[in-house]
Amino acid sequence: MAEVNARVQKHRAALRLAGLRPVQLWVPDTRRPDFEEECRQQSLRVAKVDQSEIELQRLMDAAALEIEGWSE
């Protein structure tokens, strides 16, 4: 086990020398029993808002067309 720890520390030291630093990232737990239902509910909410924001969608579509290479 000490050999593995030494290798990990060496690897981390090399990454730090390369200018990187470790960060902790929290993501949704896809294993939760209610995950699928929560995704469905959020998707329905977004779809409902999108339907009521037609003018905003038109504005965003027009803006996207002005970005070179966006539609290619």
Protein backbone atom coordinates (compact mmCIF):
# COMPACT_ATOMS: atom_id res chain seq x y z
CA MET A 1 0.00 0.00 0.00
CA ALA A 2 2.85 2.39 0.77
CA GLU A 3 4.15 1.86 -2.78
CA VAL A 4 0.80 2.88 -4.26
CA ASN A 5 0.61 5.96 -2.03
CA ALA A 6 4.11 6.98 -3.08
CA ARG A 7 3.20 6.63 -6.77
CA VAL A 8 0.03 8.68 -6.29
CA GLN A 9 1.95 11.41 -4.45
CA LYS A 10 4.60 11.47 -7.17
CA HIS A 11 1.91 11.77 -9.84
CA ARG A 12 0.14 14.57 -7.96
CA ALA A 13 3.43 16.40 -7.44
CA ALA A 14 4.11 16.22 -11.19
CA LEU A 15 0.65 17.62 -11.92
CA ARG A 16 1.22 20.49 -9.49
CA LEU A 17 4.57 21.24 -11.12
CA ALA A 18 2.70 21.40 -14.42
CA GLY A 19 0.58 24.18 -12.93
CA LEU A 20 -2.50 22.12 -12.11
CA ARG A 21 -4.35 21.84 -8.82
CA PRO A 22 -6.90 19.33 -7.55
CA VAL A 23 -10.54 20.30 -7.20
CA GLN A 24 -13.58 18.49 -5.84
CA LEU A 25 -16.56 18.30 -8.16
CA TRP A 26 -20.05 17.33 -7.02
CA VAL A 27 -22.44 15.93 -9.61
CA PRO A 28 -26.03 14.64 -9.40
CA ASP A 29 -26.30 11.09 -8.10
CA THR A 30 -27.80 9.20 -11.03
CA ARG A 31 -28.26 6.12 -8.82
CA ARG A 32 -30.92 7.78 -6.65
CA PRO A 33 -34.35 6.19 -7.10
CA ASP A 34 -35.97 9.58 -7.81
CA PHE A 35 -33.32 10.76 -10.30
CA GLU A 36 -35.27 9.83 -13.45
CA GLU A 37 -38.46 11.47 -12.19
CA GLU A 38 -36.59 14.63 -11.19
CA CYS A 39 -35.08 14.85 -14.69
CA ARG A 40 -38.52 14.41 -16.22
CA GLN A 41 -40.02 17.13 -14.02
CA GLN A 42 -37.22 19.59 -14.80
CA SER A 43 -37.53 18.87 -18.53
CA LEU A 44 -41.27 19.53 -18.40
CA ARG A 45 -40.68 22.83 -16.57
CA VAL A 46 -38.12 23.95 -19.14
CA ALA A 47 -40.40 22.96 -22.04
CA LYS A 48 -43.28 24.91 -20.49
CA VAL A 49 -41.14 28.03 -20.08
CA ASP A 50 -39.75 27.64 -23.58
CA GLN A 51 -43.29 27.63 -25.04
CA SER A 52 -44.15 30.86 -23.26
CA GLU A 53 -40.94 32.58 -24.33
CA ILE A 54 -41.33 32.49 -28.12
CA GLU A 55 -39.94 36.00 -28.59
CA LEU A 56 -36.89 35.20 -26.47
CA GLN A 57 -36.29 32.06 -28.54
CA ARG A 58 -36.50 34.10 -31.76
CA LEU A 59 -33.97 36.55 -30.36
CA MET A 60 -31.61 33.74 -29.35
CA ASP A 61 -31.98 32.08 -32.77
CA ALA A 62 -31.21 35.36 -34.53
CA ALA A 63 -28.18 35.96 -32.30
CA ALA A 64 -26.90 32.44 -32.96
CA LEU A 65 -27.04 33.04 -36.71
CA GLU A 66 -24.69 36.01 -36.26
CA ILE A 67 -21.98 33.80 -34.75
CA GLU A 68 -19.63 32.75 -37.50
CA GLY A 69 -19.54 28.98 -37.97
CA TRP A 70 -22.44 28.37 -35.53
CA SER A 71 -24.64 26.56 -38.04
CA GLU A 72 -21.92 24.67 -39.88
